[in-house]
Amino acid sequence: MLNNCEFAQQRWGGVSGTIDKWLKERQQTLVAFCELSEQVNEEDNLEKGDSLRNMCQLLVDYVSAGHFEVYDRLVKESEQQGNVGGIAKARQLFQELGSTTEYVLDFNDKYQEVDDLETLEIDLSQLGEVLANRFDAEDKAIDALHVAQKEHID
């Protein structure tokens, strides 16, 4: 996942300040996720709890930025370029993100208080799969919107 994040930054970095900021948030979220995954078997619940709260906050911020800032902005930029096909494909992909958003918010709600960490390892594994699917869909949407814009400019 981290390699895919770096690929996304290389591919779309500099295209838009909004995308750059968002991809940086994605990377920070992934780093926090990986650090927490490494701590999951440690006995120190206090340290794990701090890492968990940090990761949840980054995750919710990242997902929120996508829904309330990035997706709309990308679509508006594509509308200005007349990229009807890219917009249709991106909107379909954005709809697919709904289930991943629900999972992220449920995960956050479950672990916000950090009382019961018994199922954390299983939940983190599932979250990793959800994030991989989410990032893939987001990357395809960015590609659909920005490849057409680049072709329009060239």
N, C-alpha and C. Protein backbone atom coordinates (compact mmCIF):
# COMPACT_ATOMS: atom_id res chain seq x y z
N MET A 1 0.82 -1.19 0.00
CA MET A 1 0.00 0.00 0.00
C MET A 1 0.86 1.25 0.00
N LEU A 2 1.93 1.23 0.78
CA LEU A 2 2.80 2.41 0.86
C LEU A 2 3.47 2.67 -0.49
N ASN A 3 3.84 1.61 -1.19
CA ASN A 3 4.42 1.78 -2.53
C ASN A 3 3.42 2.39 -3.49
N ASN A 4 2.16 1.96 -3.41
CA ASN A 4 1.11 2.54 -4.25
C ASN A 4 0.91 4.01 -3.94
N CYS A 5 1.03 4.37 -2.67
CA CYS A 5 0.90 5.77 -2.26
C CYS A 5 2.03 6.59 -2.88
N GLU A 6 3.24 6.06 -2.84
CA GLU A 6 4.37 6.76 -3.43
C GLU A 6 4.21 6.89 -4.94
N PHE A 7 3.67 5.84 -5.58
CA PHE A 7 3.41 5.89 -7.02
C PHE A 7 2.40 6.99 -7.33
N ALA A 8 1.35 7.07 -6.53
CA ALA A 8 0.33 8.10 -6.75
C ALA A 8 0.94 9.48 -6.61
N GLN A 9 1.80 9.67 -5.62
CA GLN A 9 2.45 10.97 -5.45
C GLN A 9 3.34 11.31 -6.64
N GLN A 10 4.03 10.32 -7.16
CA GLN A 10 4.89 10.55 -8.33
C GLN A 10 4.05 10.87 -9.57
N ARG A 11 2.95 10.16 -9.71
CA ARG A 11 2.14 10.32 -10.92
C ARG A 11 1.36 11.63 -10.92
N TRP A 12 0.75 12.00 -9.78
CA TRP A 12 -0.11 13.18 -9.76
C TRP A 12 0.44 14.33 -8.95
N GLY A 13 1.60 14.14 -8.34
CA GLY A 13 2.19 15.22 -7.56
C GLY A 13 2.44 16.43 -8.44
N GLY A 14 2.05 17.60 -7.96
CA GLY A 14 2.24 18.84 -8.70
C GLY A 14 1.11 19.17 -9.65
N VAL A 15 0.19 18.22 -9.88
CA VAL A 15 -0.95 18.49 -10.76
C VAL A 15 -1.89 19.49 -10.11
N SER A 16 -2.04 19.35 -8.81
CA SER A 16 -2.97 20.21 -8.07
C SER A 16 -2.50 20.27 -6.62
N GLY A 17 -2.54 21.47 -6.05
CA GLY A 17 -2.19 21.61 -4.64
C GLY A 17 -3.11 20.79 -3.76
N THR A 18 -4.38 20.71 -4.15
CA THR A 18 -5.36 19.92 -3.39
C THR A 18 -4.97 18.45 -3.39
N ILE A 19 -4.61 17.93 -4.56
CA ILE A 19 -4.22 16.52 -4.65
C ILE A 19 -2.93 16.28 -3.87
N ASP A 20 -1.97 17.20 -3.99
CA ASP A 20 -0.70 17.04 -3.26
C ASP A 20 -0.94 16.93 -1.76
N LYS A 21 -1.75 17.84 -1.23
CA LYS A 21 -2.05 17.85 0.21
C LYS A 21 -2.76 16.56 0.61
N TRP A 22 -3.70 16.15 -0.20
CA TRP A 22 -4.49 14.96 0.09
C TRP A 22 -3.62 13.70 0.04
N LEU A 23 -2.73 13.61 -0.94
CA LEU A 23 -1.84 12.45 -1.02
C LEU A 23 -0.86 12.42 0.15
N LYS A 24 -0.46 13.59 0.62
CA LYS A 24 0.40 13.64 1.81
C LYS A 24 -0.37 13.12 3.03
N GLU A 25 -1.65 13.49 3.13
CA GLU A 25 -2.49 12.98 4.22
C GLU A 25 -2.64 11.47 4.10
N ARG A 26 -2.77 10.98 2.88
CA ARG A 26 -2.87 9.53 2.67
C ARG A 26 -1.61 8.85 3.19
N GLN A 27 -0.47 9.40 2.86
CA GLN A 27 0.80 8.81 3.29
C GLN A 27 0.91 8.83 4.82
N GLN A 28 0.54 9.93 5.45
CA GLN A 28 0.58 10.02 6.91
C GLN A 28 -0.35 8.99 7.54
N THR A 29 -1.51 8.81 6.95
CA THR A 29 -2.47 7.83 7.44
C THR A 29 -1.90 6.42 7.32
N LEU A 30 -1.28 6.12 6.19
CA LEU A 30 -0.68 4.80 6.00
C LEU A 30 0.46 4.53 6.96
N VAL A 31 1.28 5.53 7.19
CA VAL A 31 2.39 5.37 8.14
C VAL A 31 1.84 5.07 9.53
N ALA A 32 0.82 5.83 9.94
CA ALA A 32 0.20 5.60 11.26
C ALA A 32 -0.43 4.21 11.32
N PHE A 33 -1.07 3.79 10.23
CA PHE A 33 -1.67 2.46 10.17
C PHE A 33 -0.59 1.38 10.33
N CYS A 34 0.51 1.53 9.61
CA CYS A 34 1.61 0.54 9.69
C CYS A 34 2.23 0.50 11.08
N GLU A 35 2.43 1.66 11.68
CA GLU A 35 3.00 1.71 13.03
C GLU A 35 2.07 1.03 14.03
N LEU A 36 0.77 1.29 13.91
CA LEU A 36 -0.19 0.65 14.80
C LEU A 36 -0.22 -0.86 14.57
N SER A 37 -0.17 -1.28 13.33
CA SER A 37 -0.17 -2.71 13.02
C SER A 37 1.03 -3.42 13.64
N GLU A 38 2.16 -2.73 13.70
CA GLU A 38 3.35 -3.31 14.34
C GLU A 38 3.19 -3.41 15.85
N GLN A 39 2.42 -2.50 16.44
CA GLN A 39 2.24 -2.47 17.89
C GLN A 39 1.14 -3.40 18.37
N VAL A 40 0.35 -3.94 17.46
CA VAL A 40 -0.87 -4.64 17.85
C VAL A 40 -0.63 -5.79 18.83
N ASN A 41 0.49 -6.44 18.78
CA ASN A 41 0.76 -7.56 19.68
C ASN A 41 1.49 -7.16 20.96
N GLU A 42 1.84 -5.90 21.09
CA GLU A 42 2.50 -5.44 22.30
C GLU A 42 1.50 -5.37 23.45
N GLU A 43 2.01 -5.50 24.65
CA GLU A 43 1.13 -5.50 25.82
C GLU A 43 0.80 -4.10 26.33
N ASP A 44 1.52 -3.10 25.91
CA ASP A 44 1.32 -1.74 26.40
C ASP A 44 0.10 -1.11 25.72
N ASN A 45 -1.06 -1.27 26.34
CA ASN A 45 -2.29 -0.74 25.77
C ASN A 45 -2.33 0.78 25.76
N LEU A 46 -1.59 1.43 26.66
CA LEU A 46 -1.57 2.88 26.69
C LEU A 46 -0.92 3.42 25.42
N GLU A 47 0.24 2.88 25.07
CA GLU A 47 0.93 3.32 23.84
C GLU A 47 0.09 2.96 22.62
N LYS A 48 -0.47 1.76 22.62
CA LYS A 48 -1.31 1.32 21.52
C LYS A 48 -2.53 2.24 21.39
N GLY A 49 -3.09 2.62 22.53
CA GLY A 49 -4.26 3.50 22.54
C GLY A 49 -3.95 4.85 21.93
N ASP A 50 -2.79 5.41 22.26
CA ASP A 50 -2.38 6.70 21.68
C ASP A 50 -2.20 6.57 20.17
N SER A 51 -1.55 5.51 19.74
CA SER A 51 -1.34 5.29 18.30
C SER A 51 -2.66 5.07 17.58
N LEU A 52 -3.56 4.35 18.23
CA LEU A 52 -4.87 4.07 17.64
C LEU A 52 -5.68 5.35 17.47
N ARG A 53 -5.71 6.19 18.50
CA ARG A 53 -6.44 7.46 18.40
C ARG A 53 -5.84 8.35 17.31
N ASN A 54 -4.52 8.40 17.23
CA ASN A 54 -3.86 9.19 16.20
C ASN A 54 -4.22 8.68 14.81
N MET A 55 -4.14 7.37 14.61
CA MET A 55 -4.45 6.80 13.31
C MET A 55 -5.91 7.04 12.93
N CYS A 56 -6.81 6.88 13.90
CA CYS A 56 -8.23 7.11 13.63
C CYS A 56 -8.48 8.56 13.21
N GLN A 57 -7.84 9.50 13.90
CA GLN A 57 -8.02 10.91 13.57
C GLN A 57 -7.50 11.20 12.16
N LEU A 58 -6.33 10.69 11.83
CA LEU A 58 -5.78 10.88 10.48
C LEU A 58 -6.68 10.26 9.42
N LEU A 59 -7.20 9.08 9.73
CA LEU A 59 -8.06 8.36 8.80
C LEU A 59 -9.35 9.12 8.53
N VAL A 60 -9.99 9.60 9.58
CA VAL A 60 -11.24 10.35 9.42
C VAL A 60 -10.97 11.66 8.68
N ASP A 61 -9.88 12.33 9.01
CA ASP A 61 -9.52 13.57 8.30
C ASP A 61 -9.30 13.30 6.81
N TYR A 62 -8.60 12.22 6.51
CA TYR A 62 -8.32 11.88 5.11
C TYR A 62 -9.61 11.59 4.34
N VAL A 63 -10.46 10.75 4.92
CA VAL A 63 -11.72 10.39 4.26
C VAL A 63 -12.60 11.62 4.09
N SER A 64 -12.67 12.45 5.12
CA SER A 64 -13.48 13.67 5.05
C SER A 64 -12.98 14.62 3.97
N ALA A 65 -11.68 14.79 3.89
CA ALA A 65 -11.11 15.68 2.86
C ALA A 65 -11.48 15.16 1.47
N GLY A 66 -11.43 13.86 1.29
CA GLY A 66 -11.82 13.29 0.00
C GLY A 66 -13.25 13.62 -0.34
N HIS A 67 -14.16 13.36 0.58
CA HIS A 67 -15.58 13.55 0.31
C HIS A 67 -15.99 15.02 0.21
N PHE A 68 -15.42 15.85 1.05
CA PHE A 68 -15.92 17.23 1.14
C PHE A 68 -15.05 18.26 0.44
N GLU A 69 -13.92 17.84 -0.10
CA GLU A 69 -13.04 18.80 -0.76
C GLU A 69 -12.51 18.27 -2.09
N VAL A 70 -11.82 17.18 -2.04
CA VAL A 70 -11.06 16.71 -3.20
C VAL A 70 -11.96 16.24 -4.34
N TYR A 71 -12.91 15.34 -4.07
CA TYR A 71 -13.72 14.77 -5.14
C TYR A 71 -14.46 15.87 -5.90
N ASP A 72 -15.12 16.77 -5.16
CA ASP A 72 -15.87 17.85 -5.81
C ASP A 72 -14.97 18.74 -6.66
N ARG A 73 -13.83 19.06 -6.12
CA ARG A 73 -12.91 19.93 -6.85
C ARG A 73 -12.41 19.27 -8.14
N LEU A 74 -12.08 17.99 -8.06
CA LEU A 74 -11.62 17.28 -9.26
C LEU A 74 -12.71 17.24 -10.33
N VAL A 75 -13.93 16.99 -9.90
CA VAL A 75 -15.04 16.94 -10.85
C VAL A 75 -15.27 18.31 -11.48
N LYS A 76 -15.24 19.37 -10.68
CA LYS A 76 -15.44 20.72 -11.22
C LYS A 76 -14.36 21.07 -12.23
N GLU A 77 -13.11 20.72 -11.93
CA GLU A 77 -12.02 20.98 -12.88
C GLU A 77 -12.25 20.22 -14.19
N SER A 78 -12.74 18.99 -14.08
CA SER A 78 -12.99 18.20 -15.29
C SER A 78 -14.19 18.73 -16.06
N GLU A 79 -15.20 19.23 -15.35
CA GLU A 79 -16.34 19.84 -16.03
C GLU A 79 -15.90 21.03 -16.87
N GLN A 80 -14.99 21.81 -16.34
CA GLN A 80 -14.48 22.97 -17.07
C GLN A 80 -13.76 22.54 -18.35
N GLN A 81 -13.18 21.35 -18.34
CA GLN A 81 -12.46 20.83 -19.50
C GLN A 81 -13.38 20.03 -20.43
N GLY A 82 -14.64 19.83 -20.02
CA GLY A 82 -15.57 19.06 -20.84
C GLY A 82 -15.29 17.57 -20.84
N ASN A 83 -14.74 17.06 -19.76
CA ASN A 83 -14.35 15.65 -19.64
C ASN A 83 -15.54 14.82 -19.16
N VAL A 84 -16.54 14.65 -20.00
CA VAL A 84 -17.77 13.96 -19.63
C VAL A 84 -17.51 12.49 -19.28
N GLY A 85 -16.72 11.81 -20.10
CA GLY A 85 -16.43 10.40 -19.85
C GLY A 85 -15.68 10.18 -18.55
N GLY A 86 -14.69 11.02 -18.30
CA GLY A 86 -13.92 10.91 -17.06
C GLY A 86 -14.77 11.18 -15.84
N ILE A 87 -15.67 12.16 -15.95
CA ILE A 87 -16.55 12.50 -14.83
C ILE A 87 -17.47 11.33 -14.52
N ALA A 88 -18.06 10.73 -15.55
CA ALA A 88 -18.97 9.60 -15.33
C ALA A 88 -18.24 8.44 -14.65
N LYS A 89 -17.05 8.14 -15.14
CA LYS A 89 -16.27 7.04 -14.54
C LYS A 89 -15.90 7.37 -13.10
N ALA A 90 -15.45 8.59 -12.86
CA ALA A 90 -15.05 9.00 -11.51
C ALA A 90 -16.24 8.96 -10.55
N ARG A 91 -17.39 9.44 -10.99
CA ARG A 91 -18.57 9.43 -10.10
C ARG A 91 -18.96 8.01 -9.73
N GLN A 92 -18.85 7.09 -10.67
CA GLN A 92 -19.14 5.69 -10.37
C GLN A 92 -18.16 5.18 -9.32
N LEU A 93 -16.89 5.51 -9.48
CA LEU A 93 -15.88 5.08 -8.50
C LEU A 93 -16.11 5.74 -7.15
N PHE A 94 -16.50 7.01 -7.14
CA PHE A 94 -16.76 7.70 -5.88
C PHE A 94 -17.93 7.05 -5.14
N GLN A 95 -18.94 6.57 -5.88
CA GLN A 95 -20.06 5.88 -5.24
C GLN A 95 -19.60 4.58 -4.58
N GLU A 96 -18.66 3.90 -5.22
CA GLU A 96 -18.12 2.66 -4.65
C GLU A 96 -17.39 2.93 -3.33
N LEU A 97 -16.93 4.14 -3.15
CA LEU A 97 -16.20 4.48 -1.93
C LEU A 97 -17.12 4.57 -0.71
N GLY A 98 -18.43 4.63 -0.94
CA GLY A 98 -19.37 4.75 0.18
C GLY A 98 -19.22 3.65 1.21
N SER A 99 -19.08 2.41 0.76
CA SER A 99 -18.96 1.30 1.72
C SER A 99 -17.64 1.38 2.48
N THR A 100 -16.58 1.86 1.83
CA THR A 100 -15.31 1.99 2.54
C THR A 100 -15.39 3.11 3.56
N THR A 101 -16.11 4.16 3.22
CA THR A 101 -16.30 5.27 4.17
C THR A 101 -17.05 4.78 5.40
N GLU A 102 -18.10 4.01 5.18
CA GLU A 102 -18.87 3.46 6.31
C GLU A 102 -17.98 2.61 7.20
N TYR A 103 -17.14 1.77 6.60
CA TYR A 103 -16.26 0.91 7.40
C TYR A 103 -15.29 1.75 8.22
N VAL A 104 -14.71 2.77 7.60
CA VAL A 104 -13.76 3.65 8.30
C VAL A 104 -14.44 4.33 9.48
N LEU A 105 -15.64 4.85 9.26
CA LEU A 105 -16.35 5.54 10.34
C LEU A 105 -16.76 4.57 11.45
N ASP A 106 -17.18 3.36 11.07
CA ASP A 106 -17.50 2.35 12.08
C ASP A 106 -16.26 1.97 12.89
N PHE A 107 -15.13 1.81 12.22
CA PHE A 107 -13.87 1.50 12.90
C PHE A 107 -13.54 2.62 13.88
N ASN A 108 -13.65 3.85 13.44
CA ASN A 108 -13.37 5.00 14.30
C ASN A 108 -14.30 5.00 15.52
N ASP A 109 -15.59 4.79 15.29
CA ASP A 109 -16.55 4.78 16.40
C ASP A 109 -16.23 3.66 17.39
N LYS A 110 -15.86 2.51 16.88
CA LYS A 110 -15.57 1.36 17.74
C LYS A 110 -14.36 1.61 18.62
N TYR A 111 -13.33 2.24 18.07
CA TYR A 111 -12.07 2.38 18.80
C TYR A 111 -11.80 3.78 19.32
N GLN A 112 -12.77 4.65 19.23
CA GLN A 112 -12.58 6.02 19.71
C GLN A 112 -12.26 6.05 21.20
N GLU A 113 -12.91 5.21 21.95
CA GLU A 113 -12.70 5.17 23.40
C GLU A 113 -11.59 4.20 23.81
N VAL A 114 -11.17 3.33 22.92
CA VAL A 114 -10.06 2.39 23.13
C VAL A 114 -10.25 1.53 24.38
N ASP A 115 -11.47 1.09 24.63
CA ASP A 115 -11.71 0.26 25.80
C ASP A 115 -11.36 -1.21 25.56
N ASP A 116 -11.84 -1.75 24.47
CA ASP A 116 -11.68 -3.18 24.20
C ASP A 116 -10.84 -3.35 22.93
N LEU A 117 -9.62 -3.84 23.12
CA LEU A 117 -8.71 -4.01 21.99
C LEU A 117 -8.59 -5.47 21.56
N GLU A 118 -9.51 -6.31 22.05
CA GLU A 118 -9.42 -7.74 21.78
C GLU A 118 -9.49 -8.08 20.30
N THR A 119 -10.31 -7.37 19.55
CA THR A 119 -10.47 -7.68 18.12
C THR A 119 -9.70 -6.71 17.22
N LEU A 120 -8.82 -5.92 17.81
CA LEU A 120 -8.10 -4.90 17.04
C LEU A 120 -7.29 -5.52 15.90
N GLU A 121 -6.61 -6.62 16.16
CA GLU A 121 -5.77 -7.22 15.11
C GLU A 121 -6.61 -7.62 13.90
N ILE A 122 -7.74 -8.25 14.14
CA ILE A 122 -8.64 -8.66 13.05
C ILE A 122 -9.20 -7.43 12.34
N ASP A 123 -9.64 -6.45 13.13
CA ASP A 123 -10.21 -5.23 12.55
C ASP A 123 -9.18 -4.45 11.73
N LEU A 124 -7.93 -4.42 12.19
CA LEU A 124 -6.88 -3.74 11.43
C LEU A 124 -6.62 -4.46 10.10
N SER A 125 -6.66 -5.77 10.13
CA SER A 125 -6.46 -6.53 8.90
C SER A 125 -7.56 -6.20 7.88
N GLN A 126 -8.80 -6.17 8.36
CA GLN A 126 -9.92 -5.82 7.48
C GLN A 126 -9.81 -4.38 7.01
N LEU A 127 -9.40 -3.49 7.91
CA LEU A 127 -9.23 -2.08 7.54
C LEU A 127 -8.17 -1.95 6.46
N GLY A 128 -7.10 -2.70 6.56
CA GLY A 128 -6.05 -2.67 5.54
C GLY A 128 -6.60 -3.03 4.16
N GLU A 129 -7.45 -4.05 4.11
CA GLU A 129 -8.06 -4.44 2.84
C GLU A 129 -8.99 -3.35 2.32
N VAL A 130 -9.77 -2.77 3.22
CA VAL A 130 -10.69 -1.69 2.85
C VAL A 130 -9.90 -0.49 2.30
N LEU A 131 -8.82 -0.14 2.97
CA LEU A 131 -8.01 1.00 2.52
C LEU A 131 -7.37 0.72 1.17
N ALA A 132 -6.89 -0.49 0.96
CA ALA A 132 -6.29 -0.84 -0.33
C ALA A 132 -7.31 -0.67 -1.45
N ASN A 133 -8.53 -1.14 -1.22
CA ASN A 133 -9.60 -0.99 -2.22
C ASN A 133 -9.96 0.47 -2.43
N ARG A 134 -10.00 1.22 -1.34
CA ARG A 134 -10.34 2.64 -1.42
C ARG A 134 -9.28 3.40 -2.22
N PHE A 135 -8.02 3.18 -1.89
CA PHE A 135 -6.95 3.90 -2.57
C PHE A 135 -6.93 3.55 -4.06
N ASP A 136 -7.21 2.29 -4.38
CA ASP A 136 -7.25 1.87 -5.78
C ASP A 136 -8.37 2.62 -6.52
N ALA A 137 -9.55 2.69 -5.92
CA ALA A 137 -10.67 3.39 -6.56
C ALA A 137 -10.38 4.88 -6.69
N GLU A 138 -9.80 5.47 -5.65
CA GLU A 138 -9.45 6.89 -5.72
C GLU A 138 -8.43 7.15 -6.82
N ASP A 139 -7.43 6.30 -6.92
CA ASP A 139 -6.40 6.47 -7.94
C ASP A 139 -6.99 6.36 -9.35
N LYS A 140 -7.91 5.42 -9.53
CA LYS A 140 -8.57 5.27 -10.83
C LYS A 140 -9.40 6.51 -11.16
N ALA A 141 -10.06 7.07 -10.15
CA ALA A 141 -10.87 8.27 -10.37
C ALA A 141 -9.98 9.46 -10.74
N ILE A 142 -8.89 9.63 -10.02
CA ILE A 142 -7.96 10.72 -10.34
C ILE A 142 -7.42 10.53 -11.75
N ASP A 143 -7.09 9.30 -12.08
CA ASP A 143 -6.57 9.00 -13.40
C ASP A 143 -7.60 9.35 -14.48
N ALA A 144 -8.85 8.96 -14.27
CA ALA A 144 -9.90 9.25 -15.25
C ALA A 144 -10.09 10.75 -15.44
N LEU A 145 -9.97 11.50 -14.37
CA LEU A 145 -10.19 12.94 -14.45
C LEU A 145 -8.97 13.68 -14.98
N HIS A 146 -7.80 13.30 -14.54
CA HIS A 146 -6.61 14.08 -14.90
C HIS A 146 -5.93 13.63 -16.18
N VAL A 147 -6.05 12.38 -16.56
CA VAL A 147 -5.47 11.95 -17.83
C VAL A 147 -6.18 12.67 -18.97
N ALA A 148 -7.50 12.75 -18.89
CA ALA A 148 -8.25 13.44 -19.93
C ALA A 148 -7.92 14.93 -19.95
N GLN A 149 -7.72 15.53 -18.77
CA GLN A 149 -7.35 16.94 -18.72
C GLN A 149 -5.99 17.15 -19.36
N LYS A 150 -5.06 16.26 -19.09
CA LYS A 150 -3.72 16.38 -19.66
C LYS A 150 -3.79 16.26 -21.18
N GLU A 151 -4.59 15.31 -21.68
CA GLU A 151 -4.74 15.15 -23.12
C GLU A 151 -5.37 16.39 -23.75
N HIS A 152 -6.30 17.02 -23.02
CA HIS A 152 -6.96 18.22 -23.52
C HIS A 152 -5.96 19.36 -23.65
N ILE A 153 -5.02 19.45 -22.71
CA ILE A 153 -4.01 20.51 -22.72
C ILE A 153 -2.98 20.26 -23.81
N ASP A 154 -2.57 18.97 -23.97
CA ASP A 154 -1.55 18.62 -24.98
C ASP A 154 -2.14 18.77 -26.34
